[in-house]
């Protein structure tokens, strides 16, 4: 289960990095935006929930004591996804959704990277 947690961590980091860069590029060049980009964003951000679930299951099964900072950074990714989702329909974000998700996905990637070194 520990190996699965490490693998999903790298999937979270890589997919959110790709989604973030793609969204930022799509903000600059609108023709890059579309269903494939949003599909990647959905998959990338869904990995945060998979990662948290795998980590929680592993910690329960193995009776591992998890560092508080690891849990803080890990669960902050879930909060970040919720915040991004809540802002997507905001009036001041109308034409900046790709920018929001670009920086948001890179932020989630950063949380994942930071959590690897804890």
PDB file of N, CA and C in Angstrom:
ATOM      1  N   UNK A   1       0.831  -1.199   0.000  1.00  0.00           N
ATOM      2  CA  UNK A   1       0.000   0.000   0.000  1.00  0.00           C
ATOM      3  C   UNK A   1       0.874   1.262   0.000  1.00  0.00           C
ATOM      4  N   UNK A   2       2.047   1.156   0.622  1.00  0.00           N
ATOM      5  CA  UNK A   2       2.967   2.296   0.625  1.00  0.00           C
ATOM      6  C   UNK A   2       3.462   2.633  -0.764  1.00  0.00           C
ATOM      7  N   UNK A   3       3.728   1.584  -1.568  1.00  0.00           N
ATOM      8  CA  UNK A   3       4.160   1.821  -2.950  1.00  0.00           C
ATOM      9  C   UNK A   3       3.065   2.492  -3.754  1.00  0.00           C
ATOM     10  N   UNK A   4       1.821   2.069  -3.541  1.00  0.00           N
ATOM     11  CA  UNK A   4       0.689   2.688  -4.242  1.00  0.00           C
ATOM     12  C   UNK A   4       0.561   4.156  -3.857  1.00  0.00           C
ATOM     13  N   UNK A   5       0.791   4.469  -2.587  1.00  0.00           N
ATOM     14  CA  UNK A   5       0.736   5.865  -2.125  1.00  0.00           C
ATOM     15  C   UNK A   5       1.814   6.696  -2.810  1.00  0.00           C
ATOM     16  N   UNK A   6       3.009   6.130  -2.968  1.00  0.00           N
ATOM     17  CA  UNK A   6       4.095   6.841  -3.663  1.00  0.00           C
ATOM     18  C   UNK A   6       3.786   7.017  -5.149  1.00  0.00           C
ATOM     19  N   UNK A   7       3.243   5.987  -5.771  1.00  0.00           N
ATOM     20  CA  UNK A   7       2.903   6.075  -7.199  1.00  0.00           C
ATOM     21  C   UNK A   7       1.832   7.120  -7.432  1.00  0.00           C
ATOM     22  N   UNK A   8       0.777   7.102  -6.615  1.00  0.00           N
ATOM     23  CA  UNK A   8      -0.295   8.086  -6.798  1.00  0.00           C
ATOM     24  C   UNK A   8       0.202   9.500  -6.479  1.00  0.00           C
ATOM     25  N   UNK A   9       1.205   9.613  -5.611  1.00  0.00           N
ATOM     26  CA  UNK A   9       1.788  10.940  -5.347  1.00  0.00           C
ATOM     27  C   UNK A   9       2.425  11.494  -6.613  1.00  0.00           C
ATOM     28  N   UNK A  10       3.178  10.660  -7.317  1.00  0.00           N
ATOM     29  CA  UNK A  10       3.815  11.109  -8.554  1.00  0.00           C
ATOM     30  C   UNK A  10       2.796  11.359  -9.657  1.00  0.00           C
ATOM     31  N   UNK A  11       1.725  10.582  -9.679  1.00  0.00           N
ATOM     32  CA  UNK A  11       0.650  10.823 -10.654  1.00  0.00           C
ATOM     33  C   UNK A  11      -0.003  12.164 -10.357  1.00  0.00           C
ATOM     34  N   UNK A  12      -0.256  12.448  -9.078  1.00  0.00           N
ATOM     35  CA  UNK A  12      -0.835  13.736  -8.680  1.00  0.00           C
ATOM     36  C   UNK A  12       0.067  14.882  -9.119  1.00  0.00           C
ATOM     37  N   UNK A  13       1.355  14.771  -8.853  1.00  0.00           N
ATOM     38  CA  UNK A  13       2.303  15.835  -9.183  1.00  0.00           C
ATOM     39  C   UNK A  13       2.393  16.037 -10.695  1.00  0.00           C
ATOM     40  N   UNK A  14       2.585  14.962 -11.428  1.00  0.00           N
ATOM     41  CA  UNK A  14       2.754  15.070 -12.883  1.00  0.00           C
ATOM     42  C   UNK A  14       1.482  15.545 -13.576  1.00  0.00           C
ATOM     43  N   UNK A  15       0.342  14.997 -13.192  1.00  0.00           N
ATOM     44  CA  UNK A  15      -0.903  15.375 -13.867  1.00  0.00           C
ATOM     45  C   UNK A  15      -1.283  16.817 -13.563  1.00  0.00           C
ATOM     46  N   UNK A  16      -1.057  17.270 -12.331  1.00  0.00           N
ATOM     47  CA  UNK A  16      -1.370  18.665 -12.019  1.00  0.00           C
ATOM     48  C   UNK A  16      -0.373  19.623 -12.654  1.00  0.00           C
ATOM     49  N   UNK A  17       0.874  19.201 -12.800  1.00  0.00           N
ATOM     50  CA  UNK A  17       1.858  20.034 -13.508  1.00  0.00           C
ATOM     51  C   UNK A  17       1.437  20.208 -14.964  1.00  0.00           C
ATOM     52  N   UNK A  18       1.084  19.101 -15.610  1.00  0.00           N
ATOM     53  CA  UNK A  18       0.661  19.160 -17.010  1.00  0.00           C
ATOM     54  C   UNK A  18      -0.620  19.980 -17.162  1.00  0.00           C
ATOM     55  N   UNK A  19      -1.579  19.755 -16.276  1.00  0.00           N
ATOM     56  CA  UNK A  19      -2.836  20.512 -16.336  1.00  0.00           C
ATOM     57  C   UNK A  19      -2.589  22.005 -16.120  1.00  0.00           C
ATOM     58  N   UNK A  20      -1.721  22.330 -15.167  1.00  0.00           N
ATOM     59  CA  UNK A  20      -1.424  23.736 -14.893  1.00  0.00           C
ATOM     60  C   UNK A  20      -0.779  24.439 -16.078  1.00  0.00           C
ATOM     61  N   UNK A  21       0.206  23.801 -16.666  1.00  0.00           N
ATOM     62  CA  UNK A  21       0.892  24.396 -17.820  1.00  0.00           C
ATOM     63  C   UNK A  21      -0.061  24.505 -19.007  1.00  0.00           C
ATOM     64  N   UNK A  22      -0.865  23.477 -19.240  1.00  0.00           N
ATOM     65  CA  UNK A  22      -1.821  23.497 -20.350  1.00  0.00           C
ATOM     66  C   UNK A  22      -2.843  24.612 -20.158  1.00  0.00           C
ATOM     67  N   UNK A  23      -3.365  24.761 -18.944  1.00  0.00           N
ATOM     68  CA  UNK A  23      -4.355  25.816 -18.692  1.00  0.00           C
ATOM     69  C   UNK A  23      -3.755  27.207 -18.867  1.00  0.00           C
ATOM     70  N   UNK A  24      -2.527  27.391 -18.402  1.00  0.00           N
ATOM     71  CA  UNK A  24      -1.889  28.698 -18.573  1.00  0.00           C
ATOM     72  C   UNK A  24      -1.622  28.986 -20.046  1.00  0.00           C
ATOM     73  N   UNK A  25      -1.223  27.972 -20.793  1.00  0.00           N
ATOM     74  CA  UNK A  25      -1.033  28.146 -22.235  1.00  0.00           C
ATOM     75  C   UNK A  25      -2.374  28.445 -22.912  1.00  0.00           C
ATOM     76  N   UNK A  26      -3.434  27.782 -22.459  1.00  0.00           N
ATOM     77  CA  UNK A  26      -4.763  28.005 -23.041  1.00  0.00           C
ATOM     78  C   UNK A  26      -5.289  29.397 -22.714  1.00  0.00           C
ATOM     79  N   UNK A  27      -4.852  29.974 -21.618  1.00  0.00           N
ATOM     80  CA  UNK A  27      -5.246  31.346 -21.311  1.00  0.00           C
ATOM     81  C   UNK A  27      -4.622  32.305 -22.321  1.00  0.00           C
ATOM     82  N   UNK A  28      -3.380  32.007 -22.693  1.00  0.00           N
ATOM     83  CA  UNK A  28      -2.684  32.843 -23.677  1.00  0.00           C
ATOM     84  C   UNK A  28      -3.162  32.557 -25.093  1.00  0.00           C
ATOM     85  N   UNK A  29      -3.316  31.297 -25.428  1.00  0.00           N
ATOM     86  CA  UNK A  29      -3.739  30.881 -26.759  1.00  0.00           C
ATOM     87  C   UNK A  29      -5.039  30.099 -26.631  1.00  0.00           C
ATOM     88  N   UNK A  30      -6.149  30.772 -26.813  1.00  0.00           N
ATOM     89  CA  UNK A  30      -7.490  30.215 -26.556  1.00  0.00           C
ATOM     90  C   UNK A  30      -7.779  28.918 -27.319  1.00  0.00           C
ATOM     91  N   UNK A  31      -7.153  28.716 -28.463  1.00  0.00           N
ATOM     92  CA  UNK A  31      -7.435  27.514 -29.252  1.00  0.00           C
ATOM     93  C   UNK A  31      -6.964  26.247 -28.549  1.00  0.00           C
ATOM     94  N   UNK A  32      -6.114  26.359 -27.533  1.00  0.00           N
ATOM     95  CA  UNK A  32      -5.659  25.189 -26.776  1.00  0.00           C
ATOM     96  C   UNK A  32      -6.684  24.696 -25.760  1.00  0.00           C
ATOM     97  N   UNK A  33      -7.640  25.563 -25.425  1.00  0.00           N
ATOM     98  CA  UNK A  33      -8.673  25.177 -24.457  1.00  0.00           C
ATOM     99  C   UNK A  33      -9.679  24.252 -25.135  1.00  0.00           C
ATOM    100  N   UNK A  34     -10.287  23.413 -24.345  1.00  0.00           N
ATOM    101  CA  UNK A  34     -11.297  22.502 -24.881  1.00  0.00           C
ATOM    102  C   UNK A  34     -11.531  21.338 -23.945  1.00  0.00           C
ATOM    103  N   UNK A  35     -12.318  20.396 -24.402  1.00  0.00           N
ATOM    104  CA  UNK A  35     -12.676  19.245 -23.576  1.00  0.00           C
ATOM    105  C   UNK A  35     -11.469  18.406 -23.142  1.00  0.00           C
ATOM    106  N   UNK A  36     -10.472  18.164 -23.999  1.00  0.00           N
ATOM    107  CA  UNK A  36      -9.318  17.394 -23.521  1.00  0.00           C
ATOM    108  C   UNK A  36      -8.596  18.072 -22.352  1.00  0.00           C
ATOM    109  N   UNK A  37      -8.466  19.393 -22.406  1.00  0.00           N
ATOM    110  CA  UNK A  37      -7.814  20.118 -21.322  1.00  0.00           C
ATOM    111  C   UNK A  37      -8.612  19.981 -20.028  1.00  0.00           C
ATOM    112  N   UNK A  38      -9.921  20.196 -20.127  1.00  0.00           N
ATOM    113  CA  UNK A  38     -10.757  20.112 -18.924  1.00  0.00           C
ATOM    114  C   UNK A  38     -10.835  18.680 -18.408  1.00  0.00           C
ATOM    115  N   UNK A  39     -10.772  17.714 -19.302  1.00  0.00           N
ATOM    116  CA  UNK A  39     -10.731  16.317 -18.882  1.00  0.00           C
ATOM    117  C   UNK A  39      -9.486  16.034 -18.051  1.00  0.00           C
ATOM    118  N   UNK A  40      -8.352  16.564 -18.499  1.00  0.00           N
ATOM    119  CA  UNK A  40      -7.115  16.402 -17.755  1.00  0.00           C
ATOM    120  C   UNK A  40      -7.211  17.084 -16.395  1.00  0.00           C
ATOM    121  N   UNK A  41      -7.789  18.274 -16.350  1.00  0.00           N
ATOM    122  CA  UNK A  41      -7.946  18.982 -15.077  1.00  0.00           C
ATOM    123  C   UNK A  41      -8.779  18.138 -14.106  1.00  0.00           C
ATOM    124  N   UNK A  42      -9.860  17.560 -14.594  1.00  0.00           N
ATOM    125  CA  UNK A  42     -10.719  16.734 -13.740  1.00  0.00           C
ATOM    126  C   UNK A  42      -9.946  15.529 -13.215  1.00  0.00           C
ATOM    127  N   UNK A  43      -9.248  14.844 -14.103  1.00  0.00           N
ATOM    128  CA  UNK A  43      -8.474  13.662 -13.694  1.00  0.00           C
ATOM    129  C   UNK A  43      -7.381  14.067 -12.701  1.00  0.00           C
ATOM    130  N   UNK A  44      -6.661  15.137 -13.005  1.00  0.00           N
ATOM    131  CA  UNK A  44      -5.565  15.585 -12.141  1.00  0.00           C
ATOM    132  C   UNK A  44      -6.066  15.931 -10.746  1.00  0.00           C
ATOM    133  N   UNK A  45      -7.185  16.621 -10.686  1.00  0.00           N
ATOM    134  CA  UNK A  45      -7.677  17.012  -9.378  1.00  0.00           C
ATOM    135  C   UNK A  45      -8.385  15.872  -8.656  1.00  0.00           C
ATOM    136  N   UNK A  46      -8.880  14.910  -9.395  1.00  0.00           N
ATOM    137  CA  UNK A  46      -9.460  13.720  -8.763  1.00  0.00           C
ATOM    138  C   UNK A  46      -8.373  12.885  -8.090  1.00  0.00           C
ATOM    139  N   UNK A  47      -7.146  12.992  -8.596  1.00  0.00           N
ATOM    140  CA  UNK A  47      -6.056  12.238  -7.969  1.00  0.00           C
ATOM    141  C   UNK A  47      -5.800  12.684  -6.534  1.00  0.00           C
ATOM    142  N   UNK A  48      -6.192  13.919  -6.197  1.00  0.00           N
ATOM    143  CA  UNK A  48      -6.013  14.371  -4.816  1.00  0.00           C
ATOM    144  C   UNK A  48      -6.861  13.527  -3.871  1.00  0.00           C
ATOM    145  N   UNK A  49      -8.066  13.187  -4.296  1.00  0.00           N
ATOM    146  CA  UNK A  49      -8.951  12.375  -3.464  1.00  0.00           C
ATOM    147  C   UNK A  49      -8.468  10.935  -3.393  1.00  0.00           C
ATOM    148  N   UNK A  50      -7.970  10.429  -4.513  1.00  0.00           N
ATOM    149  CA  UNK A  50      -7.416   9.069  -4.534  1.00  0.00           C
ATOM    150  C   UNK A  50      -6.205   8.997  -3.612  1.00  0.00           C
ATOM    151  N   UNK A  51      -5.338   9.987  -3.711  1.00  0.00           N
ATOM    152  CA  UNK A  51      -4.129  10.024  -2.892  1.00  0.00           C
ATOM    153  C   UNK A  51      -4.469  10.078  -1.405  1.00  0.00           C
ATOM    154  N   UNK A  52      -5.420  10.909  -1.033  1.00  0.00           N
ATOM    155  CA  UNK A  52      -5.815  11.010   0.375  1.00  0.00           C
ATOM    156  C   UNK A  52      -6.431   9.704   0.874  1.00  0.00           C
ATOM    157  N   UNK A  53      -7.265   9.085   0.046  1.00  0.00           N
ATOM    158  CA  UNK A  53      -7.900   7.821   0.439  1.00  0.00           C
ATOM    159  C   UNK A  53      -6.875   6.712   0.597  1.00  0.00           C
ATOM    160  N   UNK A  54      -5.954   6.603  -0.354  1.00  0.00           N
ATOM    161  CA  UNK A  54      -4.914   5.563  -0.281  1.00  0.00           C
ATOM    162  C   UNK A  54      -4.045   5.790   0.955  1.00  0.00           C
ATOM    163  N   UNK A  55      -3.685   7.029   1.206  1.00  0.00           N
ATOM    164  CA  UNK A  55      -2.868   7.336   2.386  1.00  0.00           C
ATOM    165  C   UNK A  55      -3.577   7.009   3.684  1.00  0.00           C
ATOM    166  N   UNK A  56      -4.845   7.353   3.769  1.00  0.00           N
ATOM    167  CA  UNK A  56      -5.616   7.066   4.984  1.00  0.00           C
ATOM    168  C   UNK A  56      -5.779   5.561   5.193  1.00  0.00           C
ATOM    169  N   UNK A  57      -6.062   4.840   4.120  1.00  0.00           N
ATOM    170  CA  UNK A  57      -6.194   3.382   4.228  1.00  0.00           C
ATOM    171  C   UNK A  57      -4.877   2.736   4.635  1.00  0.00           C
ATOM    172  N   UNK A  58      -3.798   3.171   4.047  1.00  0.00           N
ATOM    173  CA  UNK A  58      -2.489   2.621   4.363  1.00  0.00           C
ATOM    174  C   UNK A  58      -2.133   2.880   5.823  1.00  0.00           C
ATOM    175  N   UNK A  59      -2.379   4.107   6.294  1.00  0.00           N
ATOM    176  CA  UNK A  59      -2.062   4.446   7.679  1.00  0.00           C
ATOM    177  C   UNK A  59      -2.898   3.617   8.653  1.00  0.00           C
ATOM    178  N   UNK A  60      -4.148   3.360   8.318  1.00  0.00           N
ATOM    179  CA  UNK A  60      -5.012   2.543   9.177  1.00  0.00           C
ATOM    180  C   UNK A  60      -4.580   1.093   9.202  1.00  0.00           C
ATOM    181  N   UNK A  61      -4.232   0.550   8.063  1.00  0.00           N
ATOM    182  CA  UNK A  61      -3.853  -0.860   7.976  1.00  0.00           C
ATOM    183  C   UNK A  61      -2.516  -1.143   8.635  1.00  0.00           C
ATOM    184  N   UNK A  62      -1.587  -0.275   8.463  1.00  0.00           N
ATOM    185  CA  UNK A  62      -0.229  -0.520   8.936  1.00  0.00           C
ATOM    186  C   UNK A  62       0.042   0.095  10.313  1.00  0.00           C
ATOM    187  N   UNK A  63      -0.947   0.740  10.903  1.00  0.00           N
ATOM    188  CA  UNK A  63      -0.770   1.437  12.185  1.00  0.00           C
ATOM    189  C   UNK A  63       0.443   2.357  12.168  1.00  0.00           C
ATOM    190  N   UNK A  64       0.511   3.141  11.117  1.00  0.00           N
ATOM    191  CA  UNK A  64       1.611   4.086  10.942  1.00  0.00           C
ATOM    192  C   UNK A  64       1.213   5.405  11.583  1.00  0.00           C
ATOM    193  N   UNK A  65       2.148   6.024  12.272  1.00  0.00           N
ATOM    194  CA  UNK A  65       1.895   7.353  12.812  1.00  0.00           C
ATOM    195  C   UNK A  65       2.364   8.370  11.771  1.00  0.00           C
ATOM    196  N   UNK A  66       1.433   9.171  11.299  1.00  0.00           N
ATOM    197  CA  UNK A  66       1.730  10.125  10.228  1.00  0.00           C
ATOM    198  C   UNK A  66       2.115  11.467  10.836  1.00  0.00           C
ATOM    199  N   UNK A  67       3.151  12.049  10.278  1.00  0.00           N
ATOM    200  CA  UNK A  67       3.591  13.380  10.687  1.00  0.00           C
ATOM    201  C   UNK A  67       2.474  14.393  10.433  1.00  0.00           C
ATOM    202  N   UNK A  68       2.279  15.310  11.371  1.00  0.00           N
ATOM    203  CA  UNK A  68       1.222  16.313  11.241  1.00  0.00           C
ATOM    204  C   UNK A  68       1.374  17.177   9.994  1.00  0.00           C
ATOM    205  N   UNK A  69       2.617  17.531   9.650  1.00  0.00           N
ATOM    206  CA  UNK A  69       2.836  18.363   8.466  1.00  0.00           C
ATOM    207  C   UNK A  69       2.479  17.600   7.190  1.00  0.00           C
ATOM    208  N   UNK A  70       2.728  16.306   7.178  1.00  0.00           N
ATOM    209  CA  UNK A  70       2.367  15.494   6.013  1.00  0.00           C
ATOM    210  C   UNK A  70       0.855  15.519   5.816  1.00  0.00           C
ATOM    211  N   UNK A  71       0.128  15.363   6.898  1.00  0.00           N
ATOM    212  CA  UNK A  71      -1.339  15.410   6.795  1.00  0.00           C
ATOM    213  C   UNK A  71      -1.823  16.804   6.401  1.00  0.00           C
ATOM    214  N   UNK A  72      -1.196  17.842   6.947  1.00  0.00           N
ATOM    215  CA  UNK A  72      -1.589  19.213   6.613  1.00  0.00           C
ATOM    216  C   UNK A  72      -1.435  19.472   5.119  1.00  0.00           C
ATOM    217  N   UNK A  73      -0.272  19.160   4.569  1.00  0.00           N
ATOM    218  CA  UNK A  73      -0.052  19.389   3.137  1.00  0.00           C
ATOM    219  C   UNK A  73      -0.937  18.478   2.296  1.00  0.00           C
ATOM    220  N   UNK A  74      -1.106  17.251   2.731  1.00  0.00           N
ATOM    221  CA  UNK A  74      -1.934  16.312   1.975  1.00  0.00           C
ATOM    222  C   UNK A  74      -3.391  16.749   1.902  1.00  0.00           C
ATOM    223  N   UNK A  75      -3.945  17.091   3.032  1.00  0.00           N
ATOM    224  CA  UNK A  75      -5.353  17.482   3.029  1.00  0.00           C
ATOM    225  C   UNK A  75      -5.563  18.899   2.509  1.00  0.00           C
ATOM    226  N   UNK A  76      -4.494  19.690   2.468  1.00  0.00           N
ATOM    227  CA  UNK A  76      -4.595  21.024   1.852  1.00  0.00           C
ATOM    228  C   UNK A  76      -4.869  20.917   0.356  1.00  0.00           C
ATOM    229  N   UNK A  77      -4.415  19.831  -0.254  1.00  0.00           N
ATOM    230  CA  UNK A  77      -4.724  19.644  -1.675  1.00  0.00           C
ATOM    231  C   UNK A  77      -6.224  19.493  -1.886  1.00  0.00           C
ATOM    232  N   UNK A  78      -6.894  18.804  -0.960  1.00  0.00           N
ATOM    233  CA  UNK A  78      -8.353  18.649  -1.065  1.00  0.00           C
ATOM    234  C   UNK A  78      -9.050  19.996  -0.911  1.00  0.00           C
ATOM    235  N   UNK A  79      -8.569  20.794   0.019  1.00  0.00           N
ATOM    236  CA  UNK A  79      -9.144  22.124   0.230  1.00  0.00           C
ATOM    237  C   UNK A  79      -8.906  22.999  -1.003  1.00  0.00           C
ATOM    238  N   UNK A  80      -7.726  22.893  -1.593  1.00  0.00           N
ATOM    239  CA  UNK A  80      -7.413  23.676  -2.797  1.00  0.00           C
ATOM    240  C   UNK A  80      -8.358  23.316  -3.938  1.00  0.00           C
ATOM    241  N   UNK A  81      -8.634  22.034  -4.123  1.00  0.00           N
ATOM    242  CA  UNK A  81      -9.578  21.605  -5.168  1.00  0.00           C
ATOM    243  C   UNK A  81     -10.958  22.197  -4.898  1.00  0.00           C
ATOM    244  N   UNK A  82     -11.389  22.161  -3.650  1.00  0.00           N
ATOM    245  CA  UNK A  82     -12.706  22.704  -3.297  1.00  0.00           C
ATOM    246  C   UNK A  82     -12.768  24.213  -3.544  1.00  0.00           C
ATOM    247  N   UNK A  83     -11.717  24.919  -3.221  1.00  0.00           N
ATOM    248  CA  UNK A  83     -11.687  26.368  -3.441  1.00  0.00           C
ATOM    249  C   UNK A  83     -11.720  26.685  -4.930  1.00  0.00           C
ATOM    250  N   UNK A  84     -10.919  25.971  -5.710  1.00  0.00           N
ATOM    251  CA  UNK A  84     -10.935  26.192  -7.162  1.00  0.00           C
ATOM    252  C   UNK A  84     -12.328  25.945  -7.727  1.00  0.00           C
ATOM    253  N   UNK A  85     -12.948  24.862  -7.302  1.00  0.00           N
ATOM    254  CA  UNK A  85     -14.285  24.525  -7.787  1.00  0.00           C
ATOM    255  C   UNK A  85     -15.299  25.604  -7.401  1.00  0.00           C
ATOM    256  N   UNK A  86     -15.176  26.150  -6.205  1.00  0.00           N
ATOM    257  CA  UNK A  86     -16.137  27.151  -5.754  1.00  0.00           C
ATOM    258  C   UNK A  86     -15.995  28.478  -6.501  1.00  0.00           C
ATOM    259  N   UNK A  87     -14.780  28.786  -6.960  1.00  0.00           N
ATOM    260  CA  UNK A  87     -14.557  30.048  -7.668  1.00  0.00           C
ATOM    261  C   UNK A  87     -14.848  29.989  -9.159  1.00  0.00           C
ATOM    262  N   UNK A  88     -15.017  28.809  -9.715  1.00  0.00           N
ATOM    263  CA  UNK A  88     -15.140  28.683 -11.162  1.00  0.00           C
ATOM    264  C   UNK A  88     -16.342  29.428 -11.732  1.00  0.00           C
ATOM    265  N   UNK A  89     -17.401  29.605 -10.968  1.00  0.00           N
ATOM    266  CA  UNK A  89     -18.586  30.295 -11.467  1.00  0.00           C
ATOM    267  C   UNK A  89     -18.691  31.734 -11.006  1.00  0.00           C
ATOM    268  N   UNK A  90     -17.667  32.228 -10.339  1.00  0.00           N
ATOM    269  CA  UNK A  90     -17.680  33.578  -9.807  1.00  0.00           C
ATOM    270  C   UNK A  90     -17.681  34.611 -10.934  1.00  0.00           C
ATOM    271  N   UNK A  91     -18.444  35.701 -10.773  1.00  0.00           N
ATOM    272  CA  UNK A  91     -18.532  36.712 -11.838  1.00  0.00           C
ATOM    273  C   UNK A  91     -17.197  37.355 -12.214  1.00  0.00           C
ATOM    274  N   UNK A  92     -16.306  37.535 -11.266  1.00  0.00           N
ATOM    275  CA  UNK A  92     -15.029  38.183 -11.599  1.00  0.00           C
ATOM    276  C   UNK A  92     -14.031  37.224 -12.237  1.00  0.00           C
ATOM    277  N   UNK A  93     -14.378  35.942 -12.345  1.00  0.00           N
ATOM    278  CA  UNK A  93     -13.499  34.952 -12.961  1.00  0.00           C
ATOM    279  C   UNK A  93     -13.943  34.627 -14.385  1.00  0.00           C
ATOM    280  N   UNK A  94     -15.095  35.123 -14.804  1.00  0.00           N
ATOM    281  CA  UNK A  94     -15.730  34.770 -16.092  1.00  0.00           C
ATOM    282  C   UNK A  94     -14.774  34.249 -17.166  1.00  0.00           C
ATOM    283  N   UNK A  95     -13.892  35.089 -17.638  1.00  0.00           N
ATOM    284  CA  UNK A  95     -13.020  34.713 -18.747  1.00  0.00           C
ATOM    285  C   UNK A  95     -11.609  34.326 -18.283  1.00  0.00           C
ATOM    286  N   UNK A  96     -11.455  34.099 -16.992  1.00  0.00           N
ATOM    287  CA  UNK A  96     -10.141  33.757 -16.440  1.00  0.00           C
ATOM    288  C   UNK A  96     -10.130  32.376 -15.782  1.00  0.00           C
ATOM    289  N   UNK A  97     -11.064  31.532 -16.161  1.00  0.00           N
ATOM    290  CA  UNK A  97     -11.144  30.201 -15.558  1.00  0.00           C
ATOM    291  C   UNK A  97      -9.885  29.389 -15.845  1.00  0.00           C
ATOM    292  N   UNK A  98      -9.368  29.501 -17.062  1.00  0.00           N
ATOM    293  CA  UNK A  98      -8.147  28.751 -17.383  1.00  0.00           C
ATOM    294  C   UNK A  98      -6.963  29.258 -16.556  1.00  0.00           C
ATOM    295  N   UNK A  99      -6.933  30.554 -16.296  1.00  0.00           N
ATOM    296  CA  UNK A  99      -5.882  31.123 -15.458  1.00  0.00           C
ATOM    297  C   UNK A  99      -6.017  30.611 -14.024  1.00  0.00           C
ATOM    298  N   UNK A 100      -7.234  30.602 -13.506  1.00  0.00           N
ATOM    299  CA  UNK A 100      -7.509  30.099 -12.163  1.00  0.00           C
ATOM    300  C   UNK A 100      -7.052  28.652 -12.016  1.00  0.00           C
ATOM    301  N   UNK A 101      -7.456  27.802 -12.957  1.00  0.00           N
ATOM    302  CA  UNK A 101      -7.100  26.393 -12.872  1.00  0.00           C
ATOM    303  C   UNK A 101      -5.631  26.144 -13.209  1.00  0.00           C
ATOM    304  N   UNK A 102      -5.037  27.007 -14.003  1.00  0.00           N
ATOM    305  CA  UNK A 102      -3.615  26.882 -14.291  1.00  0.00           C
ATOM    306  C   UNK A 102      -2.779  27.077 -13.041  1.00  0.00           C
ATOM    307  N   UNK A 103      -2.976  28.211 -12.378  1.00  0.00           N
ATOM    308  CA  UNK A 103      -2.215  28.466 -11.159  1.00  0.00           C
ATOM    309  C   UNK A 103      -2.638  27.532 -10.032  1.00  0.00           C
ATOM    310  N   UNK A 104      -3.921  27.197  -9.972  1.00  0.00           N
ATOM    311  CA  UNK A 104      -4.407  26.279  -8.940  1.00  0.00           C
ATOM    312  C   UNK A 104      -3.803  24.894  -9.077  1.00  0.00           C
ATOM    313  N   UNK A 105      -3.720  24.398 -10.291  1.00  0.00           N
ATOM    314  CA  UNK A 105      -3.125  23.074 -10.516  1.00  0.00           C
ATOM    315  C   UNK A 105      -1.634  23.080 -10.187  1.00  0.00           C
ATOM    316  N   UNK A 106      -0.950  24.169 -10.522  1.00  0.00           N
ATOM    317  CA  UNK A 106       0.468  24.263 -10.170  1.00  0.00           C
ATOM    318  C   UNK A 106       0.658  24.360  -8.657  1.00  0.00           C
ATOM    319  N   UNK A 107      -0.275  25.001  -7.976  1.00  0.00           N
ATOM    320  CA  UNK A 107      -0.229  25.073  -6.513  1.00  0.00           C
ATOM    321  C   UNK A 107      -0.385  23.674  -5.907  1.00  0.00           C
ATOM    322  N   UNK A 108      -1.344  22.915  -6.434  1.00  0.00           N
ATOM    323  CA  UNK A 108      -1.561  21.543  -5.957  1.00  0.00           C
ATOM    324  C   UNK A 108      -0.322  20.696  -6.235  1.00  0.00           C
ATOM    325  N   UNK A 109       0.283  20.876  -7.406  1.00  0.00           N
ATOM    326  CA  UNK A 109       1.530  20.181  -7.713  1.00  0.00           C
ATOM    327  C   UNK A 109       2.598  20.512  -6.675  1.00  0.00           C
ATOM    328  N   UNK A 110       2.694  21.786  -6.320  1.00  0.00           N
ATOM    329  CA  UNK A 110       3.675  22.221  -5.322  1.00  0.00           C
ATOM    330  C   UNK A 110       3.434  21.605  -3.961  1.00  0.00           C
ATOM    331  N   UNK A 111       2.173  21.513  -3.569  1.00  0.00           N
ATOM    332  CA  UNK A 111       1.849  20.850  -2.303  1.00  0.00           C
ATOM    333  C   UNK A 111       2.292  19.388  -2.332  1.00  0.00           C
ATOM    334  N   UNK A 112       2.066  18.744  -3.466  1.00  0.00           N
ATOM    335  CA  UNK A 112       2.493  17.347  -3.608  1.00  0.00           C
ATOM    336  C   UNK A 112       4.004  17.201  -3.514  1.00  0.00           C
ATOM    337  N   UNK A 113       4.729  18.083  -4.193  1.00  0.00           N
ATOM    338  CA  UNK A 113       6.188  18.041  -4.144  1.00  0.00           C
ATOM    339  C   UNK A 113       6.698  18.302  -2.725  1.00  0.00           C
ATOM    340  N   UNK A 114       6.110  19.261  -2.077  1.00  0.00           N
ATOM    341  CA  UNK A 114       6.527  19.591  -0.715  1.00  0.00           C
ATOM    342  C   UNK A 114       6.293  18.411   0.221  1.00  0.00           C
ATOM    343  N   UNK A 115       5.214  17.701  -0.018  1.00  0.00           N
ATOM    344  CA  UNK A 115       4.878  16.573   0.841  1.00  0.00           C
ATOM    345  C   UNK A 115       5.837  15.401   0.648  1.00  0.00           C
ATOM    346  N   UNK A 116       6.478  15.315  -0.505  1.00  0.00           N
ATOM    347  CA  UNK A 116       7.431  14.220  -0.738  1.00  0.00           C
ATOM    348  C   UNK A 116       8.664  14.335   0.153  1.00  0.00           C
ATOM    349  N   UNK A 117       9.050  15.532   0.493  1.00  0.00           N
ATOM    350  CA  UNK A 117      10.284  15.721   1.264  1.00  0.00           C
ATOM    351  C   UNK A 117      10.045  15.787   2.759  1.00  0.00           C
ATOM    352  N   UNK A 118       8.818  15.631   3.187  1.00  0.00           N
ATOM    353  CA  UNK A 118       8.538  15.642   4.634  1.00  0.00           C
ATOM    354  C   UNK A 118       8.851  14.313   5.262  1.00  0.00           C
TER     355      UNK A 118
END
